[in-house]
PDB file of N, CA and C in Angstrom:
ATOM      1  N   UNK A   1      41.383-127.017 -16.864  1.00  0.00           N
ATOM      2  CA  UNK A   1      41.001-128.418 -16.756  1.00  0.00           C
ATOM      3  C   UNK A   1      42.261-129.248 -16.582  1.00  0.00           C
ATOM      4  N   UNK A   2      42.263-130.114 -15.605  1.00  0.00           N
ATOM      5  CA  UNK A   2      43.422-130.947 -15.309  1.00  0.00           C
ATOM      6  C   UNK A   2      43.138-132.385 -15.719  1.00  0.00           C
ATOM      7  N   UNK A   3      44.071-132.997 -16.432  1.00  0.00           N
ATOM      8  CA  UNK A   3      43.950-134.390 -16.839  1.00  0.00           C
ATOM      9  C   UNK A   3      45.031-135.179 -16.111  1.00  0.00           C
ATOM     10  N   UNK A   4      44.658-136.198 -15.379  1.00  0.00           N
ATOM     11  CA  UNK A   4      45.630-136.978 -14.598  1.00  0.00           C
ATOM     12  C   UNK A   4      46.604-137.756 -15.491  1.00  0.00           C
ATOM     13  N   UNK A   5      46.334-137.818 -16.788  1.00  0.00           N
ATOM     14  CA  UNK A   5      47.223-138.507 -17.723  1.00  0.00           C
ATOM     15  C   UNK A   5      48.254-137.551 -18.329  1.00  0.00           C
ATOM     16  N   UNK A   6      48.251-136.310 -17.910  1.00  0.00           N
ATOM     17  CA  UNK A   6      49.151-135.308 -18.473  1.00  0.00           C
ATOM     18  C   UNK A   6      50.349-135.101 -17.548  1.00  0.00           C
ATOM     19  N   UNK A   7      51.549-135.202 -18.135  1.00  0.00           N
ATOM     20  CA  UNK A   7      52.789-134.978 -17.404  1.00  0.00           C
ATOM     21  C   UNK A   7      53.632-133.973 -18.168  1.00  0.00           C
ATOM     22  N   UNK A   8      54.742-133.563 -17.593  1.00  0.00           N
ATOM     23  CA  UNK A   8      55.588-132.563 -18.240  1.00  0.00           C
ATOM     24  C   UNK A   8      56.265-133.094 -19.501  1.00  0.00           C
ATOM     25  N   UNK A   9      56.738-134.313 -19.447  1.00  0.00           N
ATOM     26  CA  UNK A   9      57.387-134.966 -20.585  1.00  0.00           C
ATOM     27  C   UNK A   9      56.781-136.348 -20.768  1.00  0.00           C
ATOM     28  N   UNK A  10      57.086-136.964 -21.902  1.00  0.00           N
ATOM     29  CA  UNK A  10      56.551-138.293 -22.205  1.00  0.00           C
ATOM     30  C   UNK A  10      56.852-139.272 -21.069  1.00  0.00           C
ATOM     31  N   UNK A  11      55.823-139.853 -20.459  1.00  0.00           N
ATOM     32  CA  UNK A  11      56.034-140.799 -19.363  1.00  0.00           C
ATOM     33  C   UNK A  11      56.230-142.237 -19.878  1.00  0.00           C
ATOM     34  N   UNK A  12      57.255-142.928 -19.389  1.00  0.00           N
ATOM     35  CA  UNK A  12      57.511-144.313 -19.832  1.00  0.00           C
ATOM     36  C   UNK A  12      56.340-145.274 -19.590  1.00  0.00           C
ATOM     37  N   UNK A  13      55.458-144.948 -18.675  1.00  0.00           N
ATOM     38  CA  UNK A  13      54.316-145.834 -18.398  1.00  0.00           C
ATOM     39  C   UNK A  13      53.400-145.998 -19.610  1.00  0.00           C
ATOM     40  N   UNK A  14      53.513-145.091 -20.576  1.00  0.00           N
ATOM     41  CA  UNK A  14      52.670-145.119 -21.775  1.00  0.00           C
ATOM     42  C   UNK A  14      53.196-146.085 -22.832  1.00  0.00           C
ATOM     43  N   UNK A  15      54.444-146.474 -22.725  1.00  0.00           N
ATOM     44  CA  UNK A  15      55.081-147.292 -23.771  1.00  0.00           C
ATOM     45  C   UNK A  15      54.232-148.491 -24.191  1.00  0.00           C
ATOM     46  N   UNK A  16      53.709-149.315 -23.271  1.00  0.00           N
ATOM     47  CA  UNK A  16      52.910-150.471 -23.708  1.00  0.00           C
ATOM     48  C   UNK A  16      51.663-150.093 -24.513  1.00  0.00           C
ATOM     49  N   UNK A  17      51.103-148.919 -24.272  1.00  0.00           N
ATOM     50  CA  UNK A  17      49.892-148.491 -24.979  1.00  0.00           C
ATOM     51  C   UNK A  17      50.160-148.196 -26.451  1.00  0.00           C
ATOM     52  N   UNK A  18      51.432-148.065 -26.822  1.00  0.00           N
ATOM     53  CA  UNK A  18      51.798-147.754 -28.202  1.00  0.00           C
ATOM     54  C   UNK A  18      52.053-149.004 -29.041  1.00  0.00           C
ATOM     55  N   UNK A  19      52.043-150.155 -28.432  1.00  0.00           N
ATOM     56  CA  UNK A  19      52.469-151.398 -29.075  1.00  0.00           C
ATOM     57  C   UNK A  19      51.729-151.724 -30.364  1.00  0.00           C
ATOM     58  N   UNK A  20      50.435-151.634 -30.382  1.00  0.00           N
ATOM     59  CA  UNK A  20      49.649-152.111 -31.519  1.00  0.00           C
ATOM     60  C   UNK A  20      49.336-151.044 -32.569  1.00  0.00           C
ATOM     61  N   UNK A  21      50.086-149.962 -32.566  1.00  0.00           N
ATOM     62  CA  UNK A  21      49.809-148.871 -33.493  1.00  0.00           C
ATOM     63  C   UNK A  21      50.530-149.008 -34.827  1.00  0.00           C
ATOM     64  N   UNK A  22      51.504-149.910 -34.907  1.00  0.00           N
ATOM     65  CA  UNK A  22      52.290-150.060 -36.136  1.00  0.00           C
ATOM     66  C   UNK A  22      52.558-151.542 -36.377  1.00  0.00           C
ATOM     67  N   UNK A  23      53.493-151.824 -37.244  1.00  0.00           N
ATOM     68  CA  UNK A  23      53.772-153.194 -37.675  1.00  0.00           C
ATOM     69  C   UNK A  23      54.547-154.046 -36.682  1.00  0.00           C
ATOM     70  N   UNK A  24      54.927-155.221 -37.143  1.00  0.00           N
ATOM     71  CA  UNK A  24      55.591-156.217 -36.295  1.00  0.00           C
ATOM     72  C   UNK A  24      56.936-155.724 -35.763  1.00  0.00           C
ATOM     73  N   UNK A  25      57.707-155.030 -36.592  1.00  0.00           N
ATOM     74  CA  UNK A  25      59.004-154.511 -36.140  1.00  0.00           C
ATOM     75  C   UNK A  25      58.806-153.524 -34.983  1.00  0.00           C
ATOM     76  N   UNK A  26      57.817-152.666 -35.106  1.00  0.00           N
ATOM     77  CA  UNK A  26      57.489-151.708 -34.052  1.00  0.00           C
ATOM     78  C   UNK A  26      57.062-152.440 -32.776  1.00  0.00           C
ATOM     79  N   UNK A  27      56.235-153.467 -32.924  1.00  0.00           N
ATOM     80  CA  UNK A  27      55.765-154.215 -31.760  1.00  0.00           C
ATOM     81  C   UNK A  27      56.924-154.875 -31.020  1.00  0.00           C
ATOM     82  N   UNK A  28      57.867-155.450 -31.751  1.00  0.00           N
ATOM     83  CA  UNK A  28      59.042-156.056 -31.114  1.00  0.00           C
ATOM     84  C   UNK A  28      59.869-154.999 -30.395  1.00  0.00           C
ATOM     85  N   UNK A  29      59.994-153.847 -31.027  1.00  0.00           N
ATOM     86  CA  UNK A  29      60.742-152.751 -30.415  1.00  0.00           C
ATOM     87  C   UNK A  29      60.083-152.308 -29.110  1.00  0.00           C
ATOM     88  N   UNK A  30      58.782-152.126 -29.145  1.00  0.00           N
ATOM     89  CA  UNK A  30      58.049-151.708 -27.943  1.00  0.00           C
ATOM     90  C   UNK A  30      58.179-152.763 -26.843  1.00  0.00           C
ATOM     91  N   UNK A  31      58.056-154.031 -27.197  1.00  0.00           N
ATOM     92  CA  UNK A  31      58.198-155.102 -26.201  1.00  0.00           C
ATOM     93  C   UNK A  31      59.572-155.051 -25.540  1.00  0.00           C
ATOM     94  N   UNK A  32      60.615-154.881 -26.352  1.00  0.00           N
ATOM     95  CA  UNK A  32      61.986-154.837 -25.829  1.00  0.00           C
ATOM     96  C   UNK A  32      62.187-153.619 -24.921  1.00  0.00           C
ATOM     97  N   UNK A  33      61.706-152.470 -25.368  1.00  0.00           N
ATOM     98  CA  UNK A  33      61.854-151.244 -24.576  1.00  0.00           C
ATOM     99  C   UNK A  33      61.080-151.354 -23.267  1.00  0.00           C
ATOM    100  N   UNK A  34      59.869-151.852 -23.335  1.00  0.00           N
ATOM    101  CA  UNK A  34      59.025-151.952 -22.149  1.00  0.00           C
ATOM    102  C   UNK A  34      59.627-152.889 -21.104  1.00  0.00           C
ATOM    103  N   UNK A  35      60.291-153.937 -21.547  1.00  0.00           N
ATOM    104  CA  UNK A  35      60.871-154.916 -20.620  1.00  0.00           C
ATOM    105  C   UNK A  35      62.219-154.476 -20.059  1.00  0.00           C
ATOM    106  N   UNK A  36      62.824-153.445 -20.652  1.00  0.00           N
ATOM    107  CA  UNK A  36      64.137-153.010 -20.187  1.00  0.00           C
ATOM    108  C   UNK A  36      64.031-152.224 -18.884  1.00  0.00           C
ATOM    109  N   UNK A  37      65.158-152.104 -18.226  1.00  0.00           N
ATOM    110  CA  UNK A  37      65.256-151.371 -16.966  1.00  0.00           C
ATOM    111  C   UNK A  37      64.878-149.905 -17.171  1.00  0.00           C
ATOM    112  N   UNK A  38      64.281-149.298 -16.178  1.00  0.00           N
ATOM    113  CA  UNK A  38      63.832-147.906 -16.274  1.00  0.00           C
ATOM    114  C   UNK A  38      64.942-146.943 -16.691  1.00  0.00           C
ATOM    115  N   UNK A  39      66.164-147.207 -16.279  1.00  0.00           N
ATOM    116  CA  UNK A  39      67.265-146.296 -16.582  1.00  0.00           C
ATOM    117  C   UNK A  39      68.194-146.831 -17.670  1.00  0.00           C
ATOM    118  N   UNK A  40      67.754-147.828 -18.414  1.00  0.00           N
ATOM    119  CA  UNK A  40      68.587-148.321 -19.513  1.00  0.00           C
ATOM    120  C   UNK A  40      68.707-147.220 -20.558  1.00  0.00           C
ATOM    121  N   UNK A  41      69.873-147.098 -21.193  1.00  0.00           N
ATOM    122  CA  UNK A  41      70.044-146.057 -22.210  1.00  0.00           C
ATOM    123  C   UNK A  41      68.993-146.125 -23.318  1.00  0.00           C
ATOM    124  N   UNK A  42      68.572-147.334 -23.681  1.00  0.00           N
ATOM    125  CA  UNK A  42      67.594-147.462 -24.749  1.00  0.00           C
ATOM    126  C   UNK A  42      66.216-146.941 -24.329  1.00  0.00           C
ATOM    127  N   UNK A  43      65.811-147.201 -23.087  1.00  0.00           N
ATOM    128  CA  UNK A  43      64.514-146.708 -22.624  1.00  0.00           C
ATOM    129  C   UNK A  43      64.554-145.184 -22.475  1.00  0.00           C
ATOM    130  N   UNK A  44      65.644-144.665 -21.955  1.00  0.00           N
ATOM    131  CA  UNK A  44      65.787-143.212 -21.840  1.00  0.00           C
ATOM    132  C   UNK A  44      65.772-142.589 -23.236  1.00  0.00           C
ATOM    133  N   UNK A  45      66.446-143.236 -24.193  1.00  0.00           N
ATOM    134  CA  UNK A  45      66.469-142.739 -25.571  1.00  0.00           C
ATOM    135  C   UNK A  45      65.078-142.794 -26.195  1.00  0.00           C
ATOM    136  N   UNK A  46      64.302-143.813 -25.871  1.00  0.00           N
ATOM    137  CA  UNK A  46      62.933-143.900 -26.396  1.00  0.00           C
ATOM    138  C   UNK A  46      62.110-142.726 -25.868  1.00  0.00           C
ATOM    139  N   UNK A  47      62.262-142.417 -24.592  1.00  0.00           N
ATOM    140  CA  UNK A  47      61.552-141.271 -24.017  1.00  0.00           C
ATOM    141  C   UNK A  47      61.996-139.993 -24.729  1.00  0.00           C
ATOM    142  N   UNK A  48      63.302-139.830 -24.945  1.00  0.00           N
ATOM    143  CA  UNK A  48      63.819-138.664 -25.661  1.00  0.00           C
ATOM    144  C   UNK A  48      63.216-138.571 -27.062  1.00  0.00           C
ATOM    145  N   UNK A  49      63.195-139.693 -27.770  1.00  0.00           N
ATOM    146  CA  UNK A  49      62.632-139.721 -29.115  1.00  0.00           C
ATOM    147  C   UNK A  49      61.153-139.318 -29.094  1.00  0.00           C
ATOM    148  N   UNK A  50      60.409-139.844 -28.142  1.00  0.00           N
ATOM    149  CA  UNK A  50      58.983-139.524 -28.053  1.00  0.00           C
ATOM    150  C   UNK A  50      58.766-138.066 -27.660  1.00  0.00           C
ATOM    151  N   UNK A  51      59.618-137.518 -26.808  1.00  0.00           N
ATOM    152  CA  UNK A  51      59.519-136.099 -26.455  1.00  0.00           C
ATOM    153  C   UNK A  51      59.660-135.258 -27.719  1.00  0.00           C
ATOM    154  N   UNK A  52      60.579-135.648 -28.571  1.00  0.00           N
ATOM    155  CA  UNK A  52      60.790-134.916 -29.821  1.00  0.00           C
ATOM    156  C   UNK A  52      59.620-135.109 -30.788  1.00  0.00           C
ATOM    157  N   UNK A  53      59.162-136.336 -30.934  1.00  0.00           N
ATOM    158  CA  UNK A  53      58.052-136.625 -31.857  1.00  0.00           C
ATOM    159  C   UNK A  53      56.773-135.927 -31.402  1.00  0.00           C
ATOM    160  N   UNK A  54      56.493-136.000 -30.108  1.00  0.00           N
ATOM    161  CA  UNK A  54      55.259-135.436 -29.558  1.00  0.00           C
ATOM    162  C   UNK A  54      55.310-133.926 -29.392  1.00  0.00           C
ATOM    163  N   UNK A  55      56.493-133.369 -29.351  1.00  0.00           N
ATOM    164  CA  UNK A  55      56.618-131.942 -29.085  1.00  0.00           C
ATOM    165  C   UNK A  55      56.324-131.615 -27.633  1.00  0.00           C
ATOM    166  N   UNK A  56      56.747-132.485 -26.737  1.00  0.00           N
ATOM    167  CA  UNK A  56      56.449-132.304 -25.311  1.00  0.00           C
ATOM    168  C   UNK A  56      56.998-130.985 -24.760  1.00  0.00           C
ATOM    169  N   UNK A  57      58.124-130.520 -25.283  1.00  0.00           N
ATOM    170  CA  UNK A  57      58.735-129.299 -24.760  1.00  0.00           C
ATOM    171  C   UNK A  57      57.837-128.078 -24.968  1.00  0.00           C
ATOM    172  N   UNK A  58      56.983-128.121 -25.974  1.00  0.00           N
ATOM    173  CA  UNK A  58      56.111-126.968 -26.233  1.00  0.00           C
ATOM    174  C   UNK A  58      54.694-127.163 -25.697  1.00  0.00           C
ATOM    175  N   UNK A  59      54.441-128.267 -25.038  1.00  0.00           N
ATOM    176  CA  UNK A  59      53.113-128.526 -24.473  1.00  0.00           C
ATOM    177  C   UNK A  59      52.958-127.742 -23.169  1.00  0.00           C
ATOM    178  N   UNK A  60      51.751-127.273 -22.911  1.00  0.00           N
ATOM    179  CA  UNK A  60      51.475-126.600 -21.639  1.00  0.00           C
ATOM    180  C   UNK A  60      50.081-126.979 -21.168  1.00  0.00           C
ATOM    181  N   UNK A  61      49.780-126.639 -19.940  1.00  0.00           N
ATOM    182  CA  UNK A  61      48.527-127.076 -19.311  1.00  0.00           C
ATOM    183  C   UNK A  61      47.277-126.642 -20.063  1.00  0.00           C
ATOM    184  N   UNK A  62      47.361-125.558 -20.801  1.00  0.00           N
ATOM    185  CA  UNK A  62      46.185-125.058 -21.512  1.00  0.00           C
ATOM    186  C   UNK A  62      46.071-125.582 -22.941  1.00  0.00           C
ATOM    187  N   UNK A  63      47.020-126.388 -23.359  1.00  0.00           N
ATOM    188  CA  UNK A  63      47.019-126.848 -24.747  1.00  0.00           C
ATOM    189  C   UNK A  63      46.004-127.977 -24.968  1.00  0.00           C
ATOM    190  N   UNK A  64      45.596-128.094 -26.195  1.00  0.00           N
ATOM    191  CA  UNK A  64      44.676-129.156 -26.592  1.00  0.00           C
ATOM    192  C   UNK A  64      45.274-130.523 -26.266  1.00  0.00           C
ATOM    193  N   UNK A  65      46.582-130.667 -26.524  1.00  0.00           N
ATOM    194  CA  UNK A  65      47.258-131.941 -26.251  1.00  0.00           C
ATOM    195  C   UNK A  65      47.197-132.283 -24.767  1.00  0.00           C
ATOM    196  N   UNK A  66      47.486-131.315 -23.924  1.00  0.00           N
ATOM    197  CA  UNK A  66      47.490-131.566 -22.480  1.00  0.00           C
ATOM    198  C   UNK A  66      46.101-131.932 -21.977  1.00  0.00           C
ATOM    199  N   UNK A  67      45.088-131.314 -22.539  1.00  0.00           N
ATOM    200  CA  UNK A  67      43.727-131.614 -22.113  1.00  0.00           C
ATOM    201  C   UNK A  67      43.323-133.054 -22.445  1.00  0.00           C
ATOM    202  N   UNK A  68      43.885-133.596 -23.510  1.00  0.00           N
ATOM    203  CA  UNK A  68      43.583-134.974 -23.887  1.00  0.00           C
ATOM    204  C   UNK A  68      44.493-135.981 -23.203  1.00  0.00           C
ATOM    205  N   UNK A  69      45.620-135.554 -22.703  1.00  0.00           N
ATOM    206  CA  UNK A  69      46.524-136.422 -21.970  1.00  0.00           C
ATOM    207  C   UNK A  69      47.646-136.974 -22.826  1.00  0.00           C
ATOM    208  N   UNK A  70      48.681-137.416 -22.155  1.00  0.00           N
ATOM    209  CA  UNK A  70      49.889-137.905 -22.819  1.00  0.00           C
ATOM    210  C   UNK A  70      49.639-139.170 -23.649  1.00  0.00           C
ATOM    211  N   UNK A  71      48.791-140.052 -23.167  1.00  0.00           N
ATOM    212  CA  UNK A  71      48.540-141.300 -23.902  1.00  0.00           C
ATOM    213  C   UNK A  71      47.924-141.006 -25.260  1.00  0.00           C
ATOM    214  N   UNK A  72      46.880-140.189 -25.286  1.00  0.00           N
ATOM    215  CA  UNK A  72      46.232-139.871 -26.561  1.00  0.00           C
ATOM    216  C   UNK A  72      47.163-139.085 -27.479  1.00  0.00           C
ATOM    217  N   UNK A  73      47.925-138.174 -26.918  1.00  0.00           N
ATOM    218  CA  UNK A  73      48.873-137.387 -27.706  1.00  0.00           C
ATOM    219  C   UNK A  73      49.912-138.292 -28.364  1.00  0.00           C
ATOM    220  N   UNK A  74      50.480-139.215 -27.582  1.00  0.00           N
ATOM    221  CA  UNK A  74      51.506-140.121 -28.105  1.00  0.00           C
ATOM    222  C   UNK A  74      50.928-141.050 -29.172  1.00  0.00           C
ATOM    223  N   UNK A  75      49.744-141.569 -28.930  1.00  0.00           N
ATOM    224  CA  UNK A  75      49.114-142.436 -29.925  1.00  0.00           C
ATOM    225  C   UNK A  75      48.887-141.695 -31.236  1.00  0.00           C
ATOM    226  N   UNK A  76      48.395-140.482 -31.137  1.00  0.00           N
ATOM    227  CA  UNK A  76      48.144-139.695 -32.339  1.00  0.00           C
ATOM    228  C   UNK A  76      49.449-139.382 -33.064  1.00  0.00           C
ATOM    229  N   UNK A  77      50.488-139.053 -32.323  1.00  0.00           N
ATOM    230  CA  UNK A  77      51.782-138.740 -32.937  1.00  0.00           C
ATOM    231  C   UNK A  77      52.353-139.957 -33.664  1.00  0.00           C
ATOM    232  N   UNK A  78      52.238-141.124 -33.061  1.00  0.00           N
ATOM    233  CA  UNK A  78      52.752-142.353 -33.695  1.00  0.00           C
ATOM    234  C   UNK A  78      51.947-142.683 -34.942  1.00  0.00           C
ATOM    235  N   UNK A  79      50.641-142.501 -34.897  1.00  0.00           N
ATOM    236  CA  UNK A  79      49.810-142.761 -36.076  1.00  0.00           C
ATOM    237  C   UNK A  79      50.161-141.826 -37.234  1.00  0.00           C
ATOM    238  N   UNK A  80      50.578-140.620 -36.916  1.00  0.00           N
ATOM    239  CA  UNK A  80      50.869-139.616 -37.948  1.00  0.00           C
ATOM    240  C   UNK A  80      52.272-139.734 -38.556  1.00  0.00           C
ATOM    241  N   UNK A  81      53.143-140.471 -37.917  1.00  0.00           N
ATOM    242  CA  UNK A  81      54.522-140.582 -38.411  1.00  0.00           C
ATOM    243  C   UNK A  81      54.525-141.205 -39.801  1.00  0.00           C
ATOM    244  N   UNK A  82      55.241-140.579 -40.692  1.00  0.00           N
ATOM    245  CA  UNK A  82      55.332-141.067 -42.072  1.00  0.00           C
ATOM    246  C   UNK A  82      56.481-142.063 -42.261  1.00  0.00           C
ATOM    247  N   UNK A  83      57.452-142.059 -41.351  1.00  0.00           N
ATOM    248  CA  UNK A  83      58.600-142.945 -41.465  1.00  0.00           C
ATOM    249  C   UNK A  83      58.189-144.409 -41.296  1.00  0.00           C
ATOM    250  N   UNK A  84      59.004-145.279 -41.864  1.00  0.00           N
ATOM    251  CA  UNK A  84      58.788-146.713 -41.694  1.00  0.00           C
ATOM    252  C   UNK A  84      59.246-147.124 -40.296  1.00  0.00           C
ATOM    253  N   UNK A  85      58.867-148.321 -39.896  1.00  0.00           N
ATOM    254  CA  UNK A  85      59.307-148.844 -38.600  1.00  0.00           C
ATOM    255  C   UNK A  85      60.832-148.928 -38.560  1.00  0.00           C
ATOM    256  N   UNK A  86      61.434-149.275 -39.691  1.00  0.00           N
ATOM    257  CA  UNK A  86      62.896-149.355 -39.767  1.00  0.00           C
ATOM    258  C   UNK A  86      63.513-147.979 -39.531  1.00  0.00           C
ATOM    259  N   UNK A  87      62.946-146.949 -40.143  1.00  0.00           N
ATOM    260  CA  UNK A  87      63.466-145.583 -39.962  1.00  0.00           C
ATOM    261  C   UNK A  87      63.279-145.108 -38.523  1.00  0.00           C
ATOM    262  N   UNK A  88      62.181-145.474 -37.907  1.00  0.00           N
ATOM    263  CA  UNK A  88      61.965-145.107 -36.504  1.00  0.00           C
ATOM    264  C   UNK A  88      62.993-145.806 -35.629  1.00  0.00           C
ATOM    265  N   UNK A  89      63.269-147.062 -35.928  1.00  0.00           N
ATOM    266  CA  UNK A  89      64.281-147.800 -35.163  1.00  0.00           C
ATOM    267  C   UNK A  89      65.647-147.133 -35.304  1.00  0.00           C
ATOM    268  N   UNK A  90      65.960-146.663 -36.500  1.00  0.00           N
ATOM    269  CA  UNK A  90      67.230-145.961 -36.722  1.00  0.00           C
ATOM    270  C   UNK A  90      67.267-144.652 -35.925  1.00  0.00           C
ATOM    271  N   UNK A  91      66.139-143.967 -35.844  1.00  0.00           N
ATOM    272  CA  UNK A  91      66.048-142.736 -35.046  1.00  0.00           C
ATOM    273  C   UNK A  91      66.284-143.057 -33.580  1.00  0.00           C
ATOM    274  N   UNK A  92      65.718-144.169 -33.122  1.00  0.00           N
ATOM    275  CA  UNK A  92      65.925-144.596 -31.734  1.00  0.00           C
ATOM    276  C   UNK A  92      67.391-144.932 -31.491  1.00  0.00           C
ATOM    277  N   UNK A  93      68.027-145.614 -32.429  1.00  0.00           N
ATOM    278  CA  UNK A  93      69.437-145.951 -32.279  1.00  0.00           C
ATOM    279  C   UNK A  93      70.290-144.692 -32.179  1.00  0.00           C
ATOM    280  N   UNK A  94      69.956-143.680 -32.965  1.00  0.00           N
ATOM    281  CA  UNK A  94      70.675-142.403 -32.907  1.00  0.00           C
ATOM    282  C   UNK A  94      70.471-141.737 -31.548  1.00  0.00           C
ATOM    283  N   UNK A  95      69.239-141.748 -31.054  1.00  0.00           N
ATOM    284  CA  UNK A  95      68.948-141.166 -29.737  1.00  0.00           C
ATOM    285  C   UNK A  95      69.666-141.944 -28.637  1.00  0.00           C
ATOM    286  N   UNK A  96      69.777-143.264 -28.794  1.00  0.00           N
ATOM    287  CA  UNK A  96      70.486-144.086 -27.816  1.00  0.00           C
ATOM    288  C   UNK A  96      71.952-143.685 -27.762  1.00  0.00           C
ATOM    289  N   UNK A  97      72.548-143.449 -28.923  1.00  0.00           N
ATOM    290  CA  UNK A  97      73.936-142.994 -28.961  1.00  0.00           C
ATOM    291  C   UNK A  97      74.089-141.639 -28.278  1.00  0.00           C
ATOM    292  N   UNK A  98      73.125-140.751 -28.467  1.00  0.00           N
ATOM    293  CA  UNK A  98      73.146-139.444 -27.791  1.00  0.00           C
ATOM    294  C   UNK A  98      73.136-139.628 -26.275  1.00  0.00           C
ATOM    295  N   UNK A  99      72.269-140.508 -25.799  1.00  0.00           N
ATOM    296  CA  UNK A  99      72.154-140.756 -24.360  1.00  0.00           C
ATOM    297  C   UNK A  99      73.452-141.342 -23.828  1.00  0.00           C
ATOM    298  N   UNK A 100      74.011-142.315 -24.528  1.00  0.00           N
ATOM    299  CA  UNK A 100      75.256-142.947 -24.084  1.00  0.00           C
ATOM    300  C   UNK A 100      76.387-141.917 -24.033  1.00  0.00           C
ATOM    301  N   UNK A 101      76.493-141.086 -25.065  1.00  0.00           N
ATOM    302  CA  UNK A 101      77.531-140.051 -25.078  1.00  0.00           C
ATOM    303  C   UNK A 101      77.342-139.079 -23.912  1.00  0.00           C
ATOM    304  N   UNK A 102      76.111-138.703 -23.643  1.00  0.00           N
ATOM    305  CA  UNK A 102      75.838-137.805 -22.536  1.00  0.00           C
ATOM    306  C   UNK A 102      76.244-138.443 -21.204  1.00  0.00           C
ATOM    307  N   UNK A 103      75.884-139.699 -21.035  1.00  0.00           N
ATOM    308  CA  UNK A 103      76.217-140.396 -19.776  1.00  0.00           C
ATOM    309  C   UNK A 103      77.731-140.534 -19.612  1.00  0.00           C
ATOM    310  N   UNK A 104      78.432-140.760 -20.713  1.00  0.00           N
ATOM    311  CA  UNK A 104      79.899-140.863 -20.634  1.00  0.00           C
ATOM    312  C   UNK A 104      80.515-139.519 -20.247  1.00  0.00           C
ATOM    313  N   UNK A 105      79.958-138.425 -20.739  1.00  0.00           N
ATOM    314  CA  UNK A 105      80.471-137.100 -20.383  1.00  0.00           C
ATOM    315  C   UNK A 105      80.224-136.779 -18.923  1.00  0.00           C
ATOM    316  N   UNK A 106      79.099-137.248 -18.392  1.00  0.00           N
ATOM    317  CA  UNK A 106      78.741-136.971 -17.000  1.00  0.00           C
ATOM    318  C   UNK A 106      79.541-137.802 -16.004  1.00  0.00           C
ATOM    319  N   UNK A 107      80.158-138.893 -16.455  1.00  0.00           N
ATOM    320  CA  UNK A 107      80.888-139.753 -15.504  1.00  0.00           C
ATOM    321  C   UNK A 107      82.366-139.489 -15.510  1.00  0.00           C
TER     322      UNK A 107
END
Protein backbone atom coordinates (compact mmCIF):
# COMPACT_ATOMS: atom_id res chain seq x y z
CA UNK A 1 0.00 0.00 0.00
CA UNK A 2 1.41 3.37 -1.01
CA UNK A 3 0.63 6.57 0.88
CA UNK A 4 1.35 9.83 -0.98
CA UNK A 5 2.19 11.44 2.39
CA UNK A 6 5.10 9.06 2.97
CA UNK A 7 8.65 10.15 2.15
CA UNK A 8 12.10 8.78 2.95
CA UNK A 9 12.84 11.37 5.64
CA UNK A 10 10.82 13.98 7.51
CA UNK A 11 9.54 16.46 4.89
CA UNK A 12 9.66 20.19 5.80
CA UNK A 13 6.18 20.66 4.29
CA UNK A 14 4.78 19.02 7.45
CA UNK A 15 6.19 21.65 9.82
CA UNK A 16 3.03 23.86 9.90
CA UNK A 17 0.87 20.81 10.75
CA UNK A 18 2.80 20.42 14.02
CA UNK A 19 2.10 23.94 15.29
CA UNK A 20 -0.87 23.33 17.57
CA UNK A 21 0.36 20.15 19.23
CA UNK A 22 2.16 21.81 22.15
CA UNK A 23 2.38 25.07 24.09
CA UNK A 24 3.05 28.67 23.15
CA UNK A 25 6.85 28.30 23.08
CA UNK A 26 6.51 25.41 20.63
CA UNK A 27 4.08 27.40 18.47
CA UNK A 28 6.51 30.33 18.25
CA UNK A 29 9.30 27.94 17.36
CA UNK A 30 7.24 26.31 14.61
CA UNK A 31 6.24 29.72 13.21
CA UNK A 32 9.88 30.84 13.10
CA UNK A 33 11.08 27.60 11.50
CA UNK A 34 8.27 27.55 8.95
CA UNK A 35 8.99 31.13 7.86
CA UNK A 36 12.74 30.55 7.48
CA UNK A 37 14.48 29.80 4.21
CA UNK A 38 14.41 26.16 3.09
CA UNK A 39 18.17 25.82 3.49
CA UNK A 40 18.59 27.83 6.69
CA UNK A 41 20.66 25.92 9.26
CA UNK A 42 17.78 26.07 11.73
CA UNK A 43 15.25 24.54 9.32
CA UNK A 44 17.71 21.83 8.30
CA UNK A 45 18.38 21.19 12.01
CA UNK A 46 14.64 20.94 12.68
CA UNK A 47 14.37 18.29 9.96
CA UNK A 48 17.35 16.47 11.51
CA UNK A 49 15.75 16.64 14.95
CA UNK A 50 12.45 15.30 13.61
CA UNK A 51 14.22 12.49 11.74
CA UNK A 52 15.71 11.44 15.06
CA UNK A 53 12.47 11.84 17.04
CA UNK A 54 10.37 10.02 14.44
CA UNK A 55 12.90 7.30 13.73
CA UNK A 56 12.74 8.02 10.01
CA UNK A 57 15.97 6.09 9.34
CA UNK A 58 14.29 2.83 10.38
CA UNK A 59 11.00 3.44 8.57
CA UNK A 60 10.26 1.40 5.45
CA UNK A 61 7.42 1.09 2.96
CA UNK A 62 5.87 -1.86 4.78
CA UNK A 63 5.90 -0.28 8.23
CA UNK A 64 2.82 0.83 10.11
CA UNK A 65 4.26 4.36 10.23
CA UNK A 66 4.74 4.53 6.46
CA UNK A 67 1.22 3.30 5.83
CA UNK A 68 -0.17 6.17 7.90
CA UNK A 69 2.13 8.77 6.35
CA UNK A 70 4.71 11.22 7.59
CA UNK A 71 2.21 13.78 8.89
CA UNK A 72 0.47 11.34 11.22
CA UNK A 73 3.78 9.82 12.31
CA UNK A 74 5.25 13.23 13.17
CA UNK A 75 2.13 14.34 15.02
CA UNK A 76 2.11 11.17 17.08
CA UNK A 77 5.83 11.48 17.85
CA UNK A 78 5.42 15.10 19.02
CA UNK A 79 2.45 14.17 21.21
CA UNK A 80 4.49 11.40 22.84
CA UNK A 81 7.54 13.52 23.67
CA UNK A 82 8.00 13.83 27.41
CA UNK A 83 10.40 16.79 27.23
CA UNK A 84 9.23 20.33 27.83
CA UNK A 85 9.06 22.85 25.00
CA UNK A 86 12.19 24.45 26.47
CA UNK A 87 14.06 21.12 26.35
CA UNK A 88 12.95 20.55 22.76
CA UNK A 89 14.20 24.02 21.86
CA UNK A 90 17.55 23.16 23.45
CA UNK A 91 17.66 19.94 21.39
CA UNK A 92 17.00 22.02 18.27
CA UNK A 93 19.78 24.44 19.20
CA UNK A 94 22.17 21.50 19.57
CA UNK A 95 21.11 20.12 16.18
CA UNK A 96 21.57 23.59 14.67
CA UNK A 97 25.15 23.65 15.95
CA UNK A 98 25.71 20.21 14.39
CA UNK A 99 24.44 21.48 11.04
CA UNK A 100 26.57 24.63 11.21
CA UNK A 101 29.69 22.62 12.08
CA UNK A 102 28.99 20.24 9.22
CA UNK A 103 28.52 23.10 6.76
CA UNK A 104 31.76 24.72 7.92
CA UNK A 105 33.65 21.45 7.35
CA UNK A 106 32.19 21.12 3.86
CA UNK A 107 33.26 24.63 2.80
